[in-house]
Amino acid sequence: MPPRSPADGRWRALAERLGDALLDFALPRHCVACGDAVGRGVASVCCGRCWAALPRLRDPQCARCGHPLVVGDLPGSRHAGPRRCRWCDLLPPYVRAVRSVCWAPEGTGGAAVHALKYHGWTLAAADMARHMAALPWPDDVLRERAALVPVPLAPTRLRERGYNQSAVLARAVAARWDLQVWDDVLGRTRATRSQTRLTPGERLVNVAGAFAALPVAGDRLRGAHVVLVDDVVTTAATLNSCAAALVAGGARLVSYLTFGRARS
């Protein structure tokens, strides 16, 4: 067989672009948030207008948990109120920092999470991870973070869905941070109910003791500062249960990274 010439490669690339253009024309992708067509050739599940309207967590934010502060929380405020962040009360002392991109389940953020989690649109993870990876962190977290750890799914749910949305997000963020994903250091000890319709108290009971550090974690966890990744944080019950398991397995500190955060 004669060697392929550079022209062959150019024709092949042209044919692939033409095929993609014809597919976009025949089956245009529509934004999962507003329903309008996404621009041709754009690899995204949401249109640019909806991404621009993402309901981001506003500033100023708590330096530790990233939650927006109310007036009374701010140093020097003349208004009556606590001088601490109340969302931090949800977190155990070994949780160093928490960051989230936007409010969910409303708006574009909720639509993107829903598309990734329930409709198989793993393409959504690329855009979500781009926003997650750009979030600011305390300097010590930037220096110390050793790896990303996705919140594991129960085996039955993993078989039903075919993938773990938290792991998909973790891999996409890890590529931007140039870090490893340790998806074999944390596992579930039992299946749990969906947290969606549970009260805060029921959420705590539901996930209590539901996770454990796996034996294969070995020396990797010992003394490490790892970043737990999930799609949305609500009361932090699931993340806290995961963090407790990681610390019991040897981790020194845990930080949390999610795309969405439910309003408290």
C-alpha atoms as a PDB file:
ATOM      1  CA  MET A   1       0.000   0.000   0.000  1.00  0.00           C
ATOM      2  CA  PRO A   2       1.500   3.375  -1.008  1.00  0.00           C
ATOM      3  CA  PRO A   3       2.183   5.835   1.837  1.00  0.00           C
ATOM      4  CA  ARG A   4      -0.483   8.414   2.469  1.00  0.00           C
ATOM      5  CA  SER A   5       0.308  11.923   1.344  1.00  0.00           C
ATOM      6  CA  PRO A   6      -0.344  15.115   3.357  1.00  0.00           C
ATOM      7  CA  ALA A   7      -3.149  15.808   0.900  1.00  0.00           C
ATOM      8  CA  ASP A   8      -4.922  12.648   2.056  1.00  0.00           C
ATOM      9  CA  GLY A   9      -4.950  13.992   5.621  1.00  0.00           C
ATOM     10  CA  ARG A  10      -6.312  17.343   4.499  1.00  0.00           C
ATOM     11  CA  TRP A  11      -9.108  15.704   2.509  1.00  0.00           C
ATOM     12  CA  ARG A  12      -9.963  13.466   5.438  1.00  0.00           C
ATOM     13  CA  ALA A  13     -10.149  16.433   7.826  1.00  0.00           C
ATOM     14  CA  LEU A  14     -12.306  18.309   5.315  1.00  0.00           C
ATOM     15  CA  ALA A  15     -14.641  15.335   5.003  1.00  0.00           C
ATOM     16  CA  GLU A  16     -14.966  15.111   8.805  1.00  0.00           C
ATOM     17  CA  ARG A  17     -15.800  18.819   9.075  1.00  0.00           C
ATOM     18  CA  LEU A  18     -18.333  18.466   6.276  1.00  0.00           C
ATOM     19  CA  GLY A  19     -19.887  15.474   8.029  1.00  0.00           C
ATOM     20  CA  ASP A  20     -20.134  17.409  11.299  1.00  0.00           C
ATOM     21  CA  ALA A  21     -21.734  20.365   9.490  1.00  0.00           C
ATOM     22  CA  LEU A  22     -24.306  18.100   7.797  1.00  0.00           C
ATOM     23  CA  LEU A  23     -25.111  16.467  11.152  1.00  0.00           C
ATOM     24  CA  ASP A  24     -25.588  19.893  12.766  1.00  0.00           C
ATOM     25  CA  PHE A  25     -27.883  20.877   9.916  1.00  0.00           C
ATOM     26  CA  ALA A  26     -29.938  17.681  10.000  1.00  0.00           C
ATOM     27  CA  LEU A  27     -30.027  17.310  13.803  1.00  0.00           C
ATOM     28  CA  PRO A  28     -29.378  20.714  15.372  1.00  0.00           C
ATOM     29  CA  ARG A  29     -28.547  20.642  19.081  1.00  0.00           C
ATOM     30  CA  HIS A  30     -30.876  22.610  21.322  1.00  0.00           C
ATOM     31  CA  CYS A  31     -30.001  24.336  24.570  1.00  0.00           C
ATOM     32  CA  VAL A  32     -31.111  22.283  27.582  1.00  0.00           C
ATOM     33  CA  ALA A  33     -31.883  25.493  29.491  1.00  0.00           C
ATOM     34  CA  CYS A  34     -33.926  27.614  27.049  1.00  0.00           C
ATOM     35  CA  GLY A  35     -34.643  25.251  24.152  1.00  0.00           C
ATOM     36  CA  ASP A  36     -33.136  27.492  21.458  1.00  0.00           C
ATOM     37  CA  ALA A  37     -30.703  26.026  18.966  1.00  0.00           C
ATOM     38  CA  VAL A  38     -27.077  25.968  20.018  1.00  0.00           C
ATOM     39  CA  GLY A  39     -24.765  27.485  17.408  1.00  0.00           C
ATOM     40  CA  ARG A  40     -23.553  25.107  14.730  1.00  0.00           C
ATOM     41  CA  GLY A  41     -20.231  23.521  15.530  1.00  0.00           C
ATOM     42  CA  VAL A  42     -20.498  24.499  19.209  1.00  0.00           C
ATOM     43  CA  ALA A  43     -19.773  21.542  21.497  1.00  0.00           C
ATOM     44  CA  SER A  44     -22.047  22.538  24.366  1.00  0.00           C
ATOM     45  CA  VAL A  45     -25.429  21.568  25.779  1.00  0.00           C
ATOM     46  CA  CYS A  46     -26.314  25.211  26.531  1.00  0.00           C
ATOM     47  CA  CYS A  47     -26.285  28.272  24.319  1.00  0.00           C
ATOM     48  CA  GLY A  48     -23.914  31.158  24.977  1.00  0.00           C
ATOM     49  CA  ARG A  49     -26.722  33.369  26.224  1.00  0.00           C
ATOM     50  CA  CYS A  50     -27.711  30.882  28.926  1.00  0.00           C
ATOM     51  CA  TRP A  51     -24.116  30.333  30.026  1.00  0.00           C
ATOM     52  CA  ALA A  52     -23.766  34.106  30.351  1.00  0.00           C
ATOM     53  CA  ALA A  53     -26.885  34.118  32.564  1.00  0.00           C
ATOM     54  CA  LEU A  54     -25.525  31.440  34.915  1.00  0.00           C
ATOM     55  CA  PRO A  55     -26.794  32.294  38.451  1.00  0.00           C
ATOM     56  CA  ARG A  56     -23.363  32.540  40.057  1.00  0.00           C
ATOM     57  CA  LEU A  57     -22.816  32.791  43.784  1.00  0.00           C
ATOM     58  CA  ARG A  58     -22.414  36.500  44.412  1.00  0.00           C
ATOM     59  CA  ASP A  59     -19.580  38.299  46.168  1.00  0.00           C
ATOM     60  CA  PRO A  60     -18.520  38.853  48.893  1.00  0.00           C
ATOM     61  CA  GLN A  61     -18.070  35.221  49.856  1.00  0.00           C
ATOM     62  CA  CYS A  62     -16.800  33.433  52.924  1.00  0.00           C
ATOM     63  CA  ALA A  63     -13.085  32.747  52.458  1.00  0.00           C
ATOM     64  CA  ARG A  64     -13.528  29.215  53.774  1.00  0.00           C
ATOM     65  CA  CYS A  65     -16.802  27.856  52.387  1.00  0.00           C
ATOM     66  CA  GLY A  66     -17.382  30.243  49.485  1.00  0.00           C
ATOM     67  CA  HIS A  67     -20.952  31.001  50.554  1.00  0.00           C
ATOM     68  CA  PRO A  68     -22.239  34.544  49.915  1.00  0.00           C
ATOM     69  CA  LEU A  69     -22.141  36.626  53.082  1.00  0.00           C
ATOM     70  CA  VAL A  70     -25.032  38.701  54.363  1.00  0.00           C
ATOM     71  CA  VAL A  71     -24.473  42.250  55.586  1.00  0.00           C
ATOM     72  CA  GLY A  72     -24.317  41.246  59.235  1.00  0.00           C
ATOM     73  CA  ASP A  73     -21.531  38.737  58.514  1.00  0.00           C
ATOM     74  CA  LEU A  74     -19.135  41.365  57.194  1.00  0.00           C
ATOM     75  CA  PRO A  75     -16.417  42.746  59.489  1.00  0.00           C
ATOM     76  CA  GLY A  76     -17.175  46.279  60.626  1.00  0.00           C
ATOM     77  CA  SER A  77     -20.861  46.043  59.694  1.00  0.00           C
ATOM     78  CA  ARG A  78     -23.156  48.362  61.644  1.00  0.00           C
ATOM     79  CA  HIS A  79     -26.056  45.954  61.181  1.00  0.00           C
ATOM     80  CA  ALA A  80     -26.979  43.469  63.851  1.00  0.00           C
ATOM     81  CA  GLY A  81     -26.027  39.932  62.965  1.00  0.00           C
ATOM     82  CA  PRO A  82     -23.444  37.203  63.408  1.00  0.00           C
ATOM     83  CA  ARG A  83     -19.780  37.908  62.709  1.00  0.00           C
ATOM     84  CA  ARG A  84     -19.214  34.475  61.229  1.00  0.00           C
ATOM     85  CA  CYS A  85     -20.437  32.523  58.215  1.00  0.00           C
ATOM     86  CA  ARG A  86     -23.378  30.367  59.212  1.00  0.00           C
ATOM     87  CA  TRP A  87     -22.917  27.965  56.270  1.00  0.00           C
ATOM     88  CA  CYS A  88     -19.542  27.005  57.768  1.00  0.00           C
ATOM     89  CA  ASP A  89     -21.437  25.521  60.711  1.00  0.00           C
ATOM     90  CA  LEU A  90     -22.353  22.639  58.396  1.00  0.00           C
ATOM     91  CA  LEU A  91     -18.705  21.658  57.998  1.00  0.00           C
ATOM     92  CA  PRO A  92     -16.445  19.553  60.243  1.00  0.00           C
ATOM     93  CA  PRO A  93     -13.108  21.113  61.244  1.00  0.00           C
ATOM     94  CA  TYR A  94     -11.035  19.002  58.845  1.00  0.00           C
ATOM     95  CA  VAL A  95     -12.826  20.520  55.828  1.00  0.00           C
ATOM     96  CA  ARG A  96     -10.482  23.286  54.696  1.00  0.00           C
ATOM     97  CA  ALA A  97     -12.440  25.021  51.920  1.00  0.00           C
ATOM     98  CA  VAL A  98     -15.543  24.675  49.741  1.00  0.00           C
ATOM     99  CA  ARG A  99     -16.180  26.193  46.327  1.00  0.00           C
ATOM    100  CA  SER A 100     -19.227  26.115  44.043  1.00  0.00           C
ATOM    101  CA  VAL A 101     -19.919  27.875  40.743  1.00  0.00           C
ATOM    102  CA  CYS A 102     -23.646  28.666  40.794  1.00  0.00           C
ATOM    103  CA  TRP A 103     -26.999  28.176  42.421  1.00  0.00           C
ATOM    104  CA  ALA A 104     -28.886  25.021  41.538  1.00  0.00           C
ATOM    105  CA  PRO A 105     -31.361  23.633  40.642  1.00  0.00           C
ATOM    106  CA  GLU A 106     -32.574  26.881  39.109  1.00  0.00           C
ATOM    107  CA  GLY A 107     -31.600  28.326  35.736  1.00  0.00           C
ATOM    108  CA  THR A 108     -28.754  27.229  33.531  1.00  0.00           C
ATOM    109  CA  GLY A 109     -26.889  25.547  36.377  1.00  0.00           C
ATOM    110  CA  GLY A 110     -29.762  23.256  37.236  1.00  0.00           C
ATOM    111  CA  ALA A 111     -30.424  22.442  33.575  1.00  0.00           C
ATOM    112  CA  ALA A 112     -26.782  21.505  32.999  1.00  0.00           C
ATOM    113  CA  VAL A 113     -26.681  19.305  36.109  1.00  0.00           C
ATOM    114  CA  HIS A 114     -29.946  17.602  35.115  1.00  0.00           C
ATOM    115  CA  ALA A 115     -28.684  16.960  31.575  1.00  0.00           C
ATOM    116  CA  LEU A 116     -25.461  15.419  32.898  1.00  0.00           C
ATOM    117  CA  LYS A 117     -26.988  13.442  35.731  1.00  0.00           C
ATOM    118  CA  TYR A 118     -30.220  12.108  34.292  1.00  0.00           C
ATOM    119  CA  HIS A 119     -30.127  12.350  30.489  1.00  0.00           C
ATOM    120  CA  GLY A 120     -26.684  11.049  29.616  1.00  0.00           C
ATOM    121  CA  TRP A 121     -25.326  14.372  28.331  1.00  0.00           C
ATOM    122  CA  THR A 122     -21.738  13.842  29.510  1.00  0.00           C
ATOM    123  CA  LEU A 123     -20.799  16.622  27.087  1.00  0.00           C
ATOM    124  CA  ALA A 124     -22.146  19.040  29.727  1.00  0.00           C
ATOM    125  CA  ALA A 125     -19.207  18.184  31.991  1.00  0.00           C
ATOM    126  CA  ALA A 126     -16.704  20.032  29.789  1.00  0.00           C
ATOM    127  CA  ASP A 127     -18.415  23.413  30.228  1.00  0.00           C
ATOM    128  CA  MET A 128     -19.222  22.756  33.876  1.00  0.00           C
ATOM    129  CA  ALA A 129     -15.606  21.805  34.604  1.00  0.00           C
ATOM    130  CA  ARG A 130     -14.329  24.918  32.834  1.00  0.00           C
ATOM    131  CA  HIS A 131     -16.246  27.069  35.331  1.00  0.00           C
ATOM    132  CA  MET A 132     -15.304  24.852  38.287  1.00  0.00           C
ATOM    133  CA  ALA A 133     -11.595  24.877  37.484  1.00  0.00           C
ATOM    134  CA  ALA A 134     -11.538  28.685  37.318  1.00  0.00           C
ATOM    135  CA  LEU A 135     -12.806  29.211  40.882  1.00  0.00           C
ATOM    136  CA  PRO A 136     -10.387  30.959  43.288  1.00  0.00           C
ATOM    137  CA  TRP A 137      -8.964  29.046  46.277  1.00  0.00           C
ATOM    138  CA  PRO A 138      -6.896  29.910  49.342  1.00  0.00           C
ATOM    139  CA  ASP A 139      -3.166  29.717  48.624  1.00  0.00           C
ATOM    140  CA  ASP A 140      -2.609  26.735  50.905  1.00  0.00           C
ATOM    141  CA  VAL A 141      -5.238  24.696  49.049  1.00  0.00           C
ATOM    142  CA  LEU A 142      -3.548  25.484  45.734  1.00  0.00           C
ATOM    143  CA  ARG A 143      -0.201  24.349  47.156  1.00  0.00           C
ATOM    144  CA  GLU A 144      -1.393  21.224  48.955  1.00  0.00           C
ATOM    145  CA  ARG A 145      -4.183  19.651  46.885  1.00  0.00           C
ATOM    146  CA  ALA A 146      -2.909  16.199  45.968  1.00  0.00           C
ATOM    147  CA  ALA A 147      -5.770  14.751  43.914  1.00  0.00           C
ATOM    148  CA  LEU A 148      -9.470  14.931  43.119  1.00  0.00           C
ATOM    149  CA  VAL A 149     -11.776  12.307  44.645  1.00  0.00           C
ATOM    150  CA  PRO A 150     -15.256  11.902  43.115  1.00  0.00           C
ATOM    151  CA  VAL A 151     -18.202  11.042  45.337  1.00  0.00           C
ATOM    152  CA  PRO A 152     -18.861   7.369  44.486  1.00  0.00           C
ATOM    153  CA  LEU A 153     -22.170   6.018  43.244  1.00  0.00           C
ATOM    154  CA  ALA A 154     -23.780   2.852  44.555  1.00  0.00           C
ATOM    155  CA  PRO A 155     -23.033  -0.074  42.199  1.00  0.00           C
ATOM    156  CA  THR A 156     -26.695  -0.485  41.246  1.00  0.00           C
ATOM    157  CA  ARG A 157     -27.045   3.192  40.341  1.00  0.00           C
ATOM    158  CA  LEU A 158     -23.760   3.116  38.438  1.00  0.00           C
ATOM    159  CA  ARG A 159     -25.032   0.199  36.358  1.00  0.00           C
ATOM    160  CA  GLU A 160     -28.313   2.004  35.665  1.00  0.00           C
ATOM    161  CA  ARG A 161     -26.656   5.285  34.659  1.00  0.00           C
ATOM    162  CA  GLY A 162     -23.596   3.824  32.997  1.00  0.00           C
ATOM    163  CA  TYR A 163     -21.253   6.426  34.501  1.00  0.00           C
ATOM    164  CA  ASN A 164     -20.655   8.429  37.660  1.00  0.00           C
ATOM    165  CA  GLN A 165     -21.357  12.107  36.947  1.00  0.00           C
ATOM    166  CA  SER A 166     -19.040  13.171  39.788  1.00  0.00           C
ATOM    167  CA  ALA A 167     -16.190  11.142  38.285  1.00  0.00           C
ATOM    168  CA  VAL A 168     -16.837  12.650  34.840  1.00  0.00           C
ATOM    169  CA  LEU A 169     -16.621  16.139  36.359  1.00  0.00           C
ATOM    170  CA  ALA A 170     -13.524  15.239  38.384  1.00  0.00           C
ATOM    171  CA  ARG A 171     -11.664  14.011  35.302  1.00  0.00           C
ATOM    172  CA  ALA A 172     -12.567  17.129  33.354  1.00  0.00           C
ATOM    173  CA  VAL A 173     -11.386  19.421  36.181  1.00  0.00           C
ATOM    174  CA  ALA A 174      -8.247  17.325  36.750  1.00  0.00           C
ATOM    175  CA  ALA A 175      -7.220  17.836  33.127  1.00  0.00           C
ATOM    176  CA  ARG A 176      -7.330  21.607  33.683  1.00  0.00           C
ATOM    177  CA  TRP A 177      -5.569  21.459  37.055  1.00  0.00           C
ATOM    178  CA  ASP A 178      -3.002  18.866  35.964  1.00  0.00           C
ATOM    179  CA  LEU A 179      -3.887  16.651  38.932  1.00  0.00           C
ATOM    180  CA  GLN A 180      -4.715  12.985  39.343  1.00  0.00           C
ATOM    181  CA  VAL A 181      -8.183  11.581  40.001  1.00  0.00           C
ATOM    182  CA  TRP A 182      -8.240   9.029  42.801  1.00  0.00           C
ATOM    183  CA  ASP A 183     -11.466   7.181  42.047  1.00  0.00           C
ATOM    184  CA  ASP A 184     -10.344   4.041  43.883  1.00  0.00           C
ATOM    185  CA  VAL A 185      -9.784   5.401  47.404  1.00  0.00           C
ATOM    186  CA  LEU A 186     -13.418   5.858  48.462  1.00  0.00           C
ATOM    187  CA  GLY A 187     -16.377   3.512  48.215  1.00  0.00           C
ATOM    188  CA  ARG A 188     -19.910   3.046  49.466  1.00  0.00           C
ATOM    189  CA  THR A 189     -20.581   0.574  52.251  1.00  0.00           C
ATOM    190  CA  ARG A 190     -24.291   0.474  51.467  1.00  0.00           C
ATOM    191  CA  ALA A 191     -26.853   1.878  49.073  1.00  0.00           C
ATOM    192  CA  THR A 192     -28.694   5.039  50.142  1.00  0.00           C
ATOM    193  CA  ARG A 193     -31.961   6.674  49.182  1.00  0.00           C
ATOM    194  CA  SER A 194     -31.938   9.637  46.837  1.00  0.00           C
ATOM    195  CA  GLN A 195     -31.331  12.784  48.879  1.00  0.00           C
ATOM    196  CA  THR A 196     -33.518  14.960  46.636  1.00  0.00           C
ATOM    197  CA  ARG A 197     -36.742  14.840  48.663  1.00  0.00           C
ATOM    198  CA  LEU A 198     -35.299  14.326  52.142  1.00  0.00           C
ATOM    199  CA  THR A 199     -35.237  16.855  54.974  1.00  0.00           C
ATOM    200  CA  PRO A 200     -31.856  17.978  56.340  1.00  0.00           C
ATOM    201  CA  GLY A 201     -32.190  15.594  59.269  1.00  0.00           C
ATOM    202  CA  GLU A 202     -33.173  12.698  57.029  1.00  0.00           C
ATOM    203  CA  ARG A 203     -30.187  13.439  54.765  1.00  0.00           C
ATOM    204  CA  LEU A 204     -27.786  13.085  57.695  1.00  0.00           C
ATOM    205  CA  VAL A 205     -29.260   9.742  58.742  1.00  0.00           C
ATOM    206  CA  ASN A 206     -29.416   8.515  55.136  1.00  0.00           C
ATOM    207  CA  VAL A 207     -25.673   8.877  54.453  1.00  0.00           C
ATOM    208  CA  ALA A 208     -24.259   8.352  57.950  1.00  0.00           C
ATOM    209  CA  GLY A 209     -21.551   5.698  57.678  1.00  0.00           C
ATOM    210  CA  ALA A 210     -22.385   5.048  54.026  1.00  0.00           C
ATOM    211  CA  PHE A 211     -18.794   5.566  52.811  1.00  0.00           C
ATOM    212  CA  ALA A 212     -15.408   4.107  53.671  1.00  0.00           C
ATOM    213  CA  ALA A 213     -11.823   4.494  52.520  1.00  0.00           C
ATOM    214  CA  LEU A 214     -10.862   1.484  50.408  1.00  0.00           C
ATOM    215  CA  PRO A 215      -7.896  -0.751  51.300  1.00  0.00           C
ATOM    216  CA  VAL A 216      -6.189   0.014  47.980  1.00  0.00           C
ATOM    217  CA  ALA A 217      -5.837   3.653  49.098  1.00  0.00           C
ATOM    218  CA  GLY A 218      -2.660   2.571  50.872  1.00  0.00           C
ATOM    219  CA  ASP A 219      -0.202   5.351  51.582  1.00  0.00           C
ATOM    220  CA  ARG A 220      -1.780   7.783  49.125  1.00  0.00           C
ATOM    221  CA  LEU A 221      -4.301   9.161  51.589  1.00  0.00           C
ATOM    222  CA  ARG A 222      -1.930   9.363  54.550  1.00  0.00           C
ATOM    223  CA  GLY A 223      -1.406  13.059  55.352  1.00  0.00           C
ATOM    224  CA  ALA A 224      -2.932  14.175  52.028  1.00  0.00           C
ATOM    225  CA  HIS A 225      -5.155  17.150  51.305  1.00  0.00           C
ATOM    226  CA  VAL A 226      -7.690  15.935  48.740  1.00  0.00           C
ATOM    227  CA  VAL A 227     -10.530  17.683  46.921  1.00  0.00           C
ATOM    228  CA  LEU A 228     -13.917  15.929  46.905  1.00  0.00           C
ATOM    229  CA  VAL A 229     -15.956  16.526  43.743  1.00  0.00           C
ATOM    230  CA  ASP A 230     -19.741  16.363  43.344  1.00  0.00           C
ATOM    231  CA  ASP A 231     -22.312  17.934  41.060  1.00  0.00           C
ATOM    232  CA  VAL A 232     -24.361  19.797  43.711  1.00  0.00           C
ATOM    233  CA  VAL A 233     -24.079  20.452  47.443  1.00  0.00           C
ATOM    234  CA  THR A 234     -27.243  21.050  49.467  1.00  0.00           C
ATOM    235  CA  THR A 235     -26.721  20.434  53.193  1.00  0.00           C
ATOM    236  CA  ALA A 236     -23.210  18.948  52.708  1.00  0.00           C
ATOM    237  CA  ALA A 237     -24.408  15.718  54.366  1.00  0.00           C
ATOM    238  CA  THR A 238     -23.066  13.462  51.596  1.00  0.00           C
ATOM    239  CA  LEU A 239     -19.783  15.344  51.253  1.00  0.00           C
ATOM    240  CA  ASN A 240     -19.290  15.393  55.028  1.00  0.00           C
ATOM    241  CA  SER A 241     -19.854  11.646  55.220  1.00  0.00           C
ATOM    242  CA  CYS A 242     -17.313  11.118  52.434  1.00  0.00           C
ATOM    243  CA  ALA A 243     -14.823  13.448  54.127  1.00  0.00           C
ATOM    244  CA  ALA A 244     -15.163  11.591  57.432  1.00  0.00           C
ATOM    245  CA  ALA A 245     -14.332   8.338  55.640  1.00  0.00           C
ATOM    246  CA  LEU A 246     -11.307   9.881  53.913  1.00  0.00           C
ATOM    247  CA  VAL A 247      -9.968  11.315  57.181  1.00  0.00           C
ATOM    248  CA  ALA A 248     -10.497   7.958  58.884  1.00  0.00           C
ATOM    249  CA  GLY A 249      -8.467   6.487  56.031  1.00  0.00           C
ATOM    250  CA  GLY A 250      -5.565   8.825  56.675  1.00  0.00           C
ATOM    251  CA  ALA A 251      -6.309  12.095  54.854  1.00  0.00           C
ATOM    252  CA  ARG A 252      -5.253  15.227  56.741  1.00  0.00           C
ATOM    253  CA  LEU A 253      -7.601  17.744  55.112  1.00  0.00           C
ATOM    254  CA  VAL A 254     -10.454  17.654  52.617  1.00  0.00           C
ATOM    255  CA  SER A 255     -11.836  20.444  50.434  1.00  0.00           C
ATOM    256  CA  TYR A 256     -15.068  20.331  48.449  1.00  0.00           C
ATOM    257  CA  LEU A 257     -15.681  21.355  44.836  1.00  0.00           C
ATOM    258  CA  THR A 258     -19.152  21.331  43.268  1.00  0.00           C
ATOM    259  CA  PHE A 259     -20.726  22.910  40.242  1.00  0.00           C
ATOM    260  CA  GLY A 260     -24.029  23.806  41.932  1.00  0.00           C
ATOM    261  CA  ARG A 261     -25.108  24.803  45.419  1.00  0.00           C
ATOM    262  CA  ALA A 262     -28.641  24.786  46.759  1.00  0.00           C
ATOM    263  CA  ARG A 263     -29.844  27.959  48.428  1.00  0.00           C
ATOM    264  CA  SER A 264     -29.932  27.616  52.186  1.00  0.00           C
END
